[in-house]
């Protein structure tokens, strides 16, 4: 059965005064490579005032000031996955360092 729900859109608000465009672009690239068929797209939104927010359909999944800095790729992908497709396995990204892969 085909899923007819609209695909979610991720938006990344970044501070132009802080020169965070490259960081925002890199994160957008990571998300588009990881979720190529699950996202409608990723929007980059220029802002000011030290803001850096990542949202899925308007829901904040990361906020630099609230969450204490910037997410690493692993944490970002997990947070996005938890919103758009909680049952999805991210493979090695989901494993902790002390966990061995399944045989």
PDB file of N, CA and C in Angstrom:
ATOM      1  N   UNK A   1       0.842  -1.178   0.000  1.00  0.00           N
ATOM      2  CA  UNK A   1       0.000   0.000   0.000  1.00  0.00           C
ATOM      3  C   UNK A   1       0.891   1.246   0.000  1.00  0.00           C
ATOM      4  N   UNK A   2       0.610   2.167  -0.873  1.00  0.00           N
ATOM      5  CA  UNK A   2       1.424   3.369  -1.008  1.00  0.00           C
ATOM      6  C   UNK A   2       0.998   4.425   0.006  1.00  0.00           C
ATOM      7  N   UNK A   3       1.989   5.071   0.614  1.00  0.00           N
ATOM      8  CA  UNK A   3       1.737   6.128   1.594  1.00  0.00           C
ATOM      9  C   UNK A   3       1.373   7.406   0.842  1.00  0.00           C
ATOM     10  N   UNK A   4       0.198   7.966   1.137  1.00  0.00           N
ATOM     11  CA  UNK A   4      -0.256   9.165   0.429  1.00  0.00           C
ATOM     12  C   UNK A   4      -0.078  10.437   1.245  1.00  0.00           C
ATOM     13  N   UNK A   5       0.526  10.310   2.438  1.00  0.00           N
ATOM     14  CA  UNK A   5       0.773  11.507   3.249  1.00  0.00           C
ATOM     15  C   UNK A   5       1.811  12.386   2.560  1.00  0.00           C
ATOM     16  N   UNK A   6       1.666  13.704   2.689  1.00  0.00           N
ATOM     17  CA  UNK A   6       2.689  14.583   2.108  1.00  0.00           C
ATOM     18  C   UNK A   6       4.022  14.401   2.826  1.00  0.00           C
ATOM     19  N   UNK A   7       5.093  14.508   2.077  1.00  0.00           N
ATOM     20  CA  UNK A   7       6.425  14.391   2.668  1.00  0.00           C
ATOM     21  C   UNK A   7       6.738  15.657   3.470  1.00  0.00           C
ATOM     22  N   UNK A   8       7.421  15.496   4.595  1.00  0.00           N
ATOM     23  CA  UNK A   8       7.752  16.659   5.420  1.00  0.00           C
ATOM     24  C   UNK A   8       8.867  17.501   4.794  1.00  0.00           C
ATOM     25  N   UNK A   9       8.903  18.760   5.215  1.00  0.00           N
ATOM     26  CA  UNK A   9       9.949  19.688   4.800  1.00  0.00           C
ATOM     27  C   UNK A   9      10.760  20.087   6.025  1.00  0.00           C
ATOM     28  N   UNK A  10      12.061  20.063   5.873  1.00  0.00           N
ATOM     29  CA  UNK A  10      12.966  20.516   6.929  1.00  0.00           C
ATOM     30  C   UNK A  10      13.374  21.947   6.604  1.00  0.00           C
ATOM     31  N   UNK A  11      13.387  22.797   7.610  1.00  0.00           N
ATOM     32  CA  UNK A  11      13.902  24.156   7.424  1.00  0.00           C
ATOM     33  C   UNK A  11      15.038  24.381   8.412  1.00  0.00           C
ATOM     34  N   UNK A  12      16.064  25.062   7.918  1.00  0.00           N
ATOM     35  CA  UNK A  12      17.219  25.388   8.750  1.00  0.00           C
ATOM     36  C   UNK A  12      17.377  26.905   8.738  1.00  0.00           C
ATOM     37  N   UNK A  13      17.100  27.513   9.890  1.00  0.00           N
ATOM     38  CA  UNK A  13      17.294  28.950  10.077  1.00  0.00           C
ATOM     39  C   UNK A  13      18.711  29.153  10.604  1.00  0.00           C
ATOM     40  N   UNK A  14      19.494  29.960   9.905  1.00  0.00           N
ATOM     41  CA  UNK A  14      20.890  30.173  10.292  1.00  0.00           C
ATOM     42  C   UNK A  14      21.195  31.660  10.349  1.00  0.00           C
ATOM     43  N   UNK A  15      22.172  32.022  11.159  1.00  0.00           N
ATOM     44  CA  UNK A  15      22.559  33.419  11.334  1.00  0.00           C
ATOM     45  C   UNK A  15      23.574  33.829  10.267  1.00  0.00           C
ATOM     46  N   UNK A  16      23.213  34.837   9.480  1.00  0.00           N
ATOM     47  CA  UNK A  16      24.136  35.332   8.465  1.00  0.00           C
ATOM     48  C   UNK A  16      25.267  36.149   9.094  1.00  0.00           C
ATOM     49  N   UNK A  17      24.985  36.809  10.221  1.00  0.00           N
ATOM     50  CA  UNK A  17      26.013  37.591  10.913  1.00  0.00           C
ATOM     51  C   UNK A  17      27.130  36.695  11.455  1.00  0.00           C
ATOM     52  N   UNK A  18      26.769  35.450  11.764  1.00  0.00           N
ATOM     53  CA  UNK A  18      27.724  34.490  12.334  1.00  0.00           C
ATOM     54  C   UNK A  18      28.388  33.633  11.258  1.00  0.00           C
ATOM     55  N   UNK A  19      28.013  33.851   9.998  1.00  0.00           N
ATOM     56  CA  UNK A  19      28.565  33.085   8.876  1.00  0.00           C
ATOM     57  C   UNK A  19      28.299  31.592   8.996  1.00  0.00           C
ATOM     58  N   UNK A  20      27.063  31.221   9.312  1.00  0.00           N
ATOM     59  CA  UNK A  20      26.715  29.815   9.488  1.00  0.00           C
ATOM     60  C   UNK A  20      26.063  29.193   8.259  1.00  0.00           C
ATOM     61  N   UNK A  21      26.148  29.860   7.104  1.00  0.00           N
ATOM     62  CA  UNK A  21      25.574  29.311   5.878  1.00  0.00           C
ATOM     63  C   UNK A  21      26.213  27.971   5.516  1.00  0.00           C
ATOM     64  N   UNK A  22      27.524  27.865   5.577  1.00  0.00           N
ATOM     65  CA  UNK A  22      28.185  26.611   5.204  1.00  0.00           C
ATOM     66  C   UNK A  22      27.772  25.469   6.128  1.00  0.00           C
ATOM     67  N   UNK A  23      27.644  25.749   7.405  1.00  0.00           N
ATOM     68  CA  UNK A  23      27.197  24.730   8.362  1.00  0.00           C
ATOM     69  C   UNK A  23      25.775  24.290   8.021  1.00  0.00           C
ATOM     70  N   UNK A  24      24.901  25.256   7.751  1.00  0.00           N
ATOM     71  CA  UNK A  24      23.515  24.939   7.412  1.00  0.00           C
ATOM     72  C   UNK A  24      23.452  24.131   6.114  1.00  0.00           C
ATOM     73  N   UNK A  25      24.252  24.515   5.135  1.00  0.00           N
ATOM     74  CA  UNK A  25      24.282  23.800   3.861  1.00  0.00           C
ATOM     75  C   UNK A  25      24.790  22.376   4.016  1.00  0.00           C
ATOM     76  N   UNK A  26      25.804  22.198   4.841  1.00  0.00           N
ATOM     77  CA  UNK A  26      26.343  20.869   5.091  1.00  0.00           C
ATOM     78  C   UNK A  26      25.288  19.985   5.756  1.00  0.00           C
ATOM     79  N   UNK A  27      24.560  20.546   6.737  1.00  0.00           N
ATOM     80  CA  UNK A  27      23.524  19.768   7.415  1.00  0.00           C
ATOM     81  C   UNK A  27      22.396  19.418   6.447  1.00  0.00           C
ATOM     82  N   UNK A  28      22.041  20.344   5.568  1.00  0.00           N
ATOM     83  CA  UNK A  28      21.012  20.072   4.562  1.00  0.00           C
ATOM     84  C   UNK A  28      21.455  18.919   3.665  1.00  0.00           C
ATOM     85  N   UNK A  29      22.707  18.938   3.248  1.00  0.00           N
ATOM     86  CA  UNK A  29      23.246  17.877   2.403  1.00  0.00           C
ATOM     87  C   UNK A  29      23.194  16.521   3.112  1.00  0.00           C
ATOM     88  N   UNK A  30      23.577  16.488   4.370  1.00  0.00           N
ATOM     89  CA  UNK A  30      23.541  15.248   5.152  1.00  0.00           C
ATOM     90  C   UNK A  30      22.117  14.692   5.208  1.00  0.00           C
ATOM     91  N   UNK A  31      21.147  15.566   5.431  1.00  0.00           N
ATOM     92  CA  UNK A  31      19.757  15.115   5.524  1.00  0.00           C
ATOM     93  C   UNK A  31      19.225  14.627   4.188  1.00  0.00           C
ATOM     94  N   UNK A  32      19.558  15.330   3.108  1.00  0.00           N
ATOM     95  CA  UNK A  32      19.091  14.916   1.785  1.00  0.00           C
ATOM     96  C   UNK A  32      19.726  13.605   1.341  1.00  0.00           C
ATOM     97  N   UNK A  33      20.959  13.347   1.755  1.00  0.00           N
ATOM     98  CA  UNK A  33      21.602  12.075   1.422  1.00  0.00           C
ATOM     99  C   UNK A  33      21.035  10.928   2.247  1.00  0.00           C
ATOM    100  N   UNK A  34      20.680  11.196   3.490  1.00  0.00           N
ATOM    101  CA  UNK A  34      20.173  10.153   4.381  1.00  0.00           C
ATOM    102  C   UNK A  34      18.698   9.854   4.128  1.00  0.00           C
ATOM    103  N   UNK A  35      17.915  10.868   3.799  1.00  0.00           N
ATOM    104  CA  UNK A  35      16.466  10.716   3.634  1.00  0.00           C
ATOM    105  C   UNK A  35      16.025  11.148   2.228  1.00  0.00           C
ATOM    106  N   UNK A  36      16.616  10.599   1.160  1.00  0.00           N
ATOM    107  CA  UNK A  36      16.320  11.097  -0.193  1.00  0.00           C
ATOM    108  C   UNK A  36      14.874  10.923  -0.631  1.00  0.00           C
ATOM    109  N   UNK A  37      14.208   9.883  -0.134  1.00  0.00           N
ATOM    110  CA  UNK A  37      12.833   9.619  -0.553  1.00  0.00           C
ATOM    111  C   UNK A  37      11.804   9.979   0.513  1.00  0.00           C
ATOM    112  N   UNK A  38      12.279  10.488   1.650  1.00  0.00           N
ATOM    113  CA  UNK A  38      11.373  10.748   2.771  1.00  0.00           C
ATOM    114  C   UNK A  38      11.075  12.218   2.992  1.00  0.00           C
ATOM    115  N   UNK A  39      11.837  13.101   2.354  1.00  0.00           N
ATOM    116  CA  UNK A  39      11.659  14.541   2.552  1.00  0.00           C
ATOM    117  C   UNK A  39      11.187  15.217   1.271  1.00  0.00           C
ATOM    118  N   UNK A  40      10.317  16.218   1.423  1.00  0.00           N
ATOM    119  CA  UNK A  40       9.926  17.046   0.280  1.00  0.00           C
ATOM    120  C   UNK A  40      11.069  17.976  -0.102  1.00  0.00           C
ATOM    121  N   UNK A  41      11.882  18.351   0.893  1.00  0.00           N
ATOM    122  CA  UNK A  41      13.010  19.232   0.647  1.00  0.00           C
ATOM    123  C   UNK A  41      13.551  19.794   1.940  1.00  0.00           C
ATOM    124  N   UNK A  42      14.644  20.541   1.789  1.00  0.00           N
ATOM    125  CA  UNK A  42      15.266  21.229   2.912  1.00  0.00           C
ATOM    126  C   UNK A  42      15.424  22.691   2.512  1.00  0.00           C
ATOM    127  N   UNK A  43      14.870  23.582   3.326  1.00  0.00           N
ATOM    128  CA  UNK A  43      14.964  25.020   3.063  1.00  0.00           C
ATOM    129  C   UNK A  43      16.016  25.637   3.966  1.00  0.00           C
ATOM    130  N   UNK A  44      16.829  26.509   3.411  1.00  0.00           N
ATOM    131  CA  UNK A  44      17.771  27.300   4.196  1.00  0.00           C
ATOM    132  C   UNK A  44      17.195  28.698   4.332  1.00  0.00           C
ATOM    133  N   UNK A  45      17.082  29.156   5.581  1.00  0.00           N
ATOM    134  CA  UNK A  45      16.440  30.443   5.853  1.00  0.00           C
ATOM    135  C   UNK A  45      17.447  31.355   6.551  1.00  0.00           C
ATOM    136  N   UNK A  46      17.886  32.425   5.877  1.00  0.00           N
ATOM    137  CA  UNK A  46      18.830  33.338   6.520  1.00  0.00           C
ATOM    138  C   UNK A  46      18.164  34.126   7.641  1.00  0.00           C
ATOM    139  N   UNK A  47      18.894  34.306   8.725  1.00  0.00           N
ATOM    140  CA  UNK A  47      18.410  35.081   9.860  1.00  0.00           C
ATOM    141  C   UNK A  47      19.571  35.819  10.504  1.00  0.00           C
ATOM    142  N   UNK A  48      19.333  36.353  11.671  1.00  0.00           N
ATOM    143  CA  UNK A  48      20.355  37.095  12.404  1.00  0.00           C
ATOM    144  C   UNK A  48      20.241  36.760  13.891  1.00  0.00           C
ATOM    145  N   UNK A  49      21.085  37.380  14.688  1.00  0.00           N
ATOM    146  CA  UNK A  49      20.984  37.273  16.137  1.00  0.00           C
ATOM    147  C   UNK A  49      21.487  35.977  16.735  1.00  0.00           C
ATOM    148  N   UNK A  50      22.349  35.256  16.019  1.00  0.00           N
ATOM    149  CA  UNK A  50      22.887  34.020  16.565  1.00  0.00           C
ATOM    150  C   UNK A  50      21.921  32.851  16.522  1.00  0.00           C
ATOM    151  N   UNK A  51      20.861  32.984  15.731  1.00  0.00           N
ATOM    152  CA  UNK A  51      19.875  31.908  15.650  1.00  0.00           C
ATOM    153  C   UNK A  51      20.365  30.767  14.774  1.00  0.00           C
ATOM    154  N   UNK A  52      20.061  29.561  15.203  1.00  0.00           N
ATOM    155  CA  UNK A  52      20.278  28.359  14.404  1.00  0.00           C
ATOM    156  C   UNK A  52      19.219  27.357  14.858  1.00  0.00           C
ATOM    157  N   UNK A  53      18.206  27.172  14.023  1.00  0.00           N
ATOM    158  CA  UNK A  53      17.089  26.292  14.353  1.00  0.00           C
ATOM    159  C   UNK A  53      16.836  25.332  13.207  1.00  0.00           C
ATOM    160  N   UNK A  54      16.536  24.101  13.561  1.00  0.00           N
ATOM    161  CA  UNK A  54      16.166  23.103  12.572  1.00  0.00           C
ATOM    162  C   UNK A  54      14.758  22.647  12.912  1.00  0.00           C
ATOM    163  N   UNK A  55      13.876  22.711  11.920  1.00  0.00           N
ATOM    164  CA  UNK A  55      12.469  22.359  12.115  1.00  0.00           C
ATOM    165  C   UNK A  55      12.035  21.341  11.071  1.00  0.00           C
ATOM    166  N   UNK A  56      11.071  20.518  11.452  1.00  0.00           N
ATOM    167  CA  UNK A  56      10.388  19.629  10.513  1.00  0.00           C
ATOM    168  C   UNK A  56       8.936  20.064  10.506  1.00  0.00           C
ATOM    169  N   UNK A  57       8.489  20.549   9.363  1.00  0.00           N
ATOM    170  CA  UNK A  57       7.115  21.064   9.234  1.00  0.00           C
ATOM    171  C   UNK A  57       6.744  21.998  10.388  1.00  0.00           C
ATOM    172  N   UNK A  58       7.663  22.867  10.750  1.00  0.00           N
ATOM    173  CA  UNK A  58       7.418  23.876  11.773  1.00  0.00           C
ATOM    174  C   UNK A  58       7.754  23.447  13.191  1.00  0.00           C
ATOM    175  N   UNK A  59       7.947  22.159  13.428  1.00  0.00           N
ATOM    176  CA  UNK A  59       8.269  21.652  14.770  1.00  0.00           C
ATOM    177  C   UNK A  59       9.780  21.716  14.999  1.00  0.00           C
ATOM    178  N   UNK A  60      10.197  22.425  16.038  1.00  0.00           N
ATOM    179  CA  UNK A  60      11.628  22.545  16.323  1.00  0.00           C
ATOM    180  C   UNK A  60      12.195  21.203  16.773  1.00  0.00           C
ATOM    181  N   UNK A  61      13.245  20.760  16.085  1.00  0.00           N
ATOM    182  CA  UNK A  61      13.944  19.545  16.511  1.00  0.00           C
ATOM    183  C   UNK A  61      15.335  19.870  17.052  1.00  0.00           C
ATOM    184  N   UNK A  62      15.837  21.064  16.729  1.00  0.00           N
ATOM    185  CA  UNK A  62      17.119  21.515  17.287  1.00  0.00           C
ATOM    186  C   UNK A  62      17.117  23.027  17.333  1.00  0.00           C
ATOM    187  N   UNK A  63      17.551  23.567  18.465  1.00  0.00           N
ATOM    188  CA  UNK A  63      17.699  25.017  18.616  1.00  0.00           C
ATOM    189  C   UNK A  63      19.017  25.249  19.338  1.00  0.00           C
ATOM    190  N   UNK A  64      19.918  25.956  18.696  1.00  0.00           N
ATOM    191  CA  UNK A  64      21.281  26.106  19.190  1.00  0.00           C
ATOM    192  C   UNK A  64      21.350  26.589  20.635  1.00  0.00           C
ATOM    193  N   UNK A  65      20.589  27.601  20.972  1.00  0.00           N
ATOM    194  CA  UNK A  65      20.657  28.151  22.327  1.00  0.00           C
ATOM    195  C   UNK A  65      20.047  27.185  23.348  1.00  0.00           C
ATOM    196  N   UNK A  66      18.935  26.587  23.007  1.00  0.00           N
ATOM    197  CA  UNK A  66      18.251  25.651  23.905  1.00  0.00           C
ATOM    198  C   UNK A  66      19.052  24.360  24.091  1.00  0.00           C
ATOM    199  N   UNK A  67      19.599  23.843  22.979  1.00  0.00           N
ATOM    200  CA  UNK A  67      20.248  22.535  22.997  1.00  0.00           C
ATOM    201  C   UNK A  67      21.760  22.594  23.193  1.00  0.00           C
ATOM    202  N   UNK A  68      22.309  23.781  23.340  1.00  0.00           N
ATOM    203  CA  UNK A  68      23.720  23.911  23.675  1.00  0.00           C
ATOM    204  C   UNK A  68      24.681  23.699  22.532  1.00  0.00           C
ATOM    205  N   UNK A  69      24.516  24.443  21.468  1.00  0.00           N
ATOM    206  CA  UNK A  69      25.451  24.354  20.349  1.00  0.00           C
ATOM    207  C   UNK A  69      24.797  23.757  19.121  1.00  0.00           C
ATOM    208  N   UNK A  70      25.622  23.075  18.342  1.00  0.00           N
ATOM    209  CA  UNK A  70      25.167  22.509  17.074  1.00  0.00           C
ATOM    210  C   UNK A  70      25.126  20.993  17.181  1.00  0.00           C
ATOM    211  N   UNK A  71      24.185  20.372  16.464  1.00  0.00           N
ATOM    212  CA  UNK A  71      24.142  18.915  16.505  1.00  0.00           C
ATOM    213  C   UNK A  71      25.233  18.314  15.621  1.00  0.00           C
ATOM    214  N   UNK A  72      25.721  17.160  16.012  1.00  0.00           N
ATOM    215  CA  UNK A  72      26.561  16.377  15.117  1.00  0.00           C
ATOM    216  C   UNK A  72      25.652  15.672  14.128  1.00  0.00           C
ATOM    217  N   UNK A  73      26.217  15.120  13.061  1.00  0.00           N
ATOM    218  CA  UNK A  73      25.382  14.471  12.047  1.00  0.00           C
ATOM    219  C   UNK A  73      24.571  13.305  12.603  1.00  0.00           C
ATOM    220  N   UNK A  74      25.139  12.519  13.504  1.00  0.00           N
ATOM    221  CA  UNK A  74      24.430  11.372  14.073  1.00  0.00           C
ATOM    222  C   UNK A  74      23.186  11.826  14.835  1.00  0.00           C
ATOM    223  N   UNK A  75      23.362  12.786  15.727  1.00  0.00           N
ATOM    224  CA  UNK A  75      22.231  13.250  16.531  1.00  0.00           C
ATOM    225  C   UNK A  75      21.174  13.931  15.665  1.00  0.00           C
ATOM    226  N   UNK A  76      21.609  14.719  14.690  1.00  0.00           N
ATOM    227  CA  UNK A  76      20.664  15.392  13.806  1.00  0.00           C
ATOM    228  C   UNK A  76      19.822  14.374  13.043  1.00  0.00           C
ATOM    229  N   UNK A  77      20.458  13.380  12.458  1.00  0.00           N
ATOM    230  CA  UNK A  77      19.732  12.367  11.692  1.00  0.00           C
ATOM    231  C   UNK A  77      18.769  11.596  12.585  1.00  0.00           C
ATOM    232  N   UNK A  78      19.181  11.287  13.800  1.00  0.00           N
ATOM    233  CA  UNK A  78      18.299  10.573  14.709  1.00  0.00           C
ATOM    234  C   UNK A  78      17.080  11.420  15.077  1.00  0.00           C
ATOM    235  N   UNK A  79      17.297  12.695  15.339  1.00  0.00           N
ATOM    236  CA  UNK A  79      16.165  13.565  15.699  1.00  0.00           C
ATOM    237  C   UNK A  79      15.191  13.737  14.538  1.00  0.00           C
ATOM    238  N   UNK A  80      15.724  13.891  13.336  1.00  0.00           N
ATOM    239  CA  UNK A  80      14.858  14.024  12.157  1.00  0.00           C
ATOM    240  C   UNK A  80      14.099  12.717  11.942  1.00  0.00           C
ATOM    241  N   UNK A  81      14.806  11.594  12.016  1.00  0.00           N
ATOM    242  CA  UNK A  81      14.169  10.288  11.860  1.00  0.00           C
ATOM    243  C   UNK A  81      13.051  10.089  12.877  1.00  0.00           C
ATOM    244  N   UNK A  82      13.300  10.489  14.126  1.00  0.00           N
ATOM    245  CA  UNK A  82      12.305  10.304  15.187  1.00  0.00           C
ATOM    246  C   UNK A  82      11.006  11.048  14.889  1.00  0.00           C
ATOM    247  N   UNK A  83      11.087  12.116  14.098  1.00  0.00           N
ATOM    248  CA  UNK A  83       9.888  12.880  13.737  1.00  0.00           C
ATOM    249  C   UNK A  83       9.240  12.326  12.468  1.00  0.00           C
ATOM    250  N   UNK A  84      10.040  12.028  11.443  1.00  0.00           N
ATOM    251  CA  UNK A  84       9.454  11.665  10.146  1.00  0.00           C
ATOM    252  C   UNK A  84       9.184  10.180   9.977  1.00  0.00           C
ATOM    253  N   UNK A  85       9.947   9.312  10.651  1.00  0.00           N
ATOM    254  CA  UNK A  85       9.794   7.866  10.476  1.00  0.00           C
ATOM    255  C   UNK A  85      10.437   7.132  11.648  1.00  0.00           C
ATOM    256  N   UNK A  86       9.791   7.154  12.823  1.00  0.00           N
ATOM    257  CA  UNK A  86      10.400   6.601  14.039  1.00  0.00           C
ATOM    258  C   UNK A  86      10.821   5.137  13.944  1.00  0.00           C
ATOM    259  N   UNK A  87      10.205   4.365  13.068  1.00  0.00           N
ATOM    260  CA  UNK A  87      10.544   2.939  12.938  1.00  0.00           C
ATOM    261  C   UNK A  87      11.761   2.690  12.055  1.00  0.00           C
ATOM    262  N   UNK A  88      12.225   3.706  11.363  1.00  0.00           N
ATOM    263  CA  UNK A  88      13.339   3.536  10.423  1.00  0.00           C
ATOM    264  C   UNK A  88      14.642   3.268  11.156  1.00  0.00           C
ATOM    265  N   UNK A  89      15.398   2.302  10.635  1.00  0.00           N
ATOM    266  CA  UNK A  89      16.719   1.980  11.167  1.00  0.00           C
ATOM    267  C   UNK A  89      17.746   2.792  10.383  1.00  0.00           C
ATOM    268  N   UNK A  90      18.594   3.501  11.090  1.00  0.00           N
ATOM    269  CA  UNK A  90      19.637   4.295  10.440  1.00  0.00           C
ATOM    270  C   UNK A  90      20.957   3.528  10.338  1.00  0.00           C
ATOM    271  N   UNK A  91      20.907   2.229  10.559  1.00  0.00           N
ATOM    272  CA  UNK A  91      22.104   1.409  10.426  1.00  0.00           C
ATOM    273  C   UNK A  91      23.154   1.766  11.452  1.00  0.00           C
ATOM    274  N   UNK A  92      24.384   1.939  10.999  1.00  0.00           N
ATOM    275  CA  UNK A  92      25.495   2.196  11.921  1.00  0.00           C
ATOM    276  C   UNK A  92      25.329   3.495  12.695  1.00  0.00           C
ATOM    277  N   UNK A  93      24.533   4.416  12.185  1.00  0.00           N
ATOM    278  CA  UNK A  93      24.302   5.687  12.870  1.00  0.00           C
ATOM    279  C   UNK A  93      23.547   5.493  14.178  1.00  0.00           C
ATOM    280  N   UNK A  94      22.760   4.425  14.257  1.00  0.00           N
ATOM    281  CA  UNK A  94      21.977   4.166  15.465  1.00  0.00           C
ATOM    282  C   UNK A  94      22.746   3.415  16.537  1.00  0.00           C
ATOM    283  N   UNK A  95      23.843   2.795  16.175  1.00  0.00           N
ATOM    284  CA  UNK A  95      24.585   1.997  17.154  1.00  0.00           C
ATOM    285  C   UNK A  95      25.478   2.867  18.018  1.00  0.00           C
ATOM    286  N   UNK A  96      25.518   2.502  19.296  1.00  0.00           N
ATOM    287  CA  UNK A  96      26.447   3.160  20.205  1.00  0.00           C
ATOM    288  C   UNK A  96      27.831   2.577  19.972  1.00  0.00           C
ATOM    289  N   UNK A  97      28.851   3.261  20.431  1.00  0.00           N
ATOM    290  CA  UNK A  97      30.225   2.802  20.245  1.00  0.00           C
ATOM    291  C   UNK A  97      30.469   1.436  20.874  1.00  0.00           C
ATOM    292  N   UNK A  98      29.782   1.144  21.992  1.00  0.00           N
ATOM    293  CA  UNK A  98      30.012  -0.109  22.684  1.00  0.00           C
ATOM    294  C   UNK A  98      29.150  -1.253  22.143  1.00  0.00           C
ATOM    295  N   UNK A  99      28.322  -0.998  21.145  1.00  0.00           N
ATOM    296  CA  UNK A  99      27.456  -2.005  20.575  1.00  0.00           C
ATOM    297  C   UNK A  99      28.118  -2.651  19.367  1.00  0.00           C
ATOM    298  N   UNK A 100      28.069  -3.949  19.312  1.00  0.00           N
ATOM    299  CA  UNK A 100      28.606  -4.668  18.143  1.00  0.00           C
ATOM    300  C   UNK A 100      27.500  -4.804  17.101  1.00  0.00           C
ATOM    301  N   UNK A 101      27.872  -4.781  15.808  1.00  0.00           N
ATOM    302  CA  UNK A 101      26.859  -4.963  14.772  1.00  0.00           C
ATOM    303  C   UNK A 101      26.289  -6.384  14.820  1.00  0.00           C
ATOM    304  N   UNK A 102      25.047  -6.546  14.348  1.00  0.00           N
ATOM    305  CA  UNK A 102      24.436  -7.867  14.291  1.00  0.00           C
ATOM    306  C   UNK A 102      25.208  -8.744  13.317  1.00  0.00           C
ATOM    307  N   UNK A 103      25.356 -10.045  13.651  1.00  0.00           N
ATOM    308  CA  UNK A 103      26.106 -10.956  12.753  1.00  0.00           C
ATOM    309  C   UNK A 103      25.357 -11.222  11.476  1.00  0.00           C
TER     310      UNK A 103
END
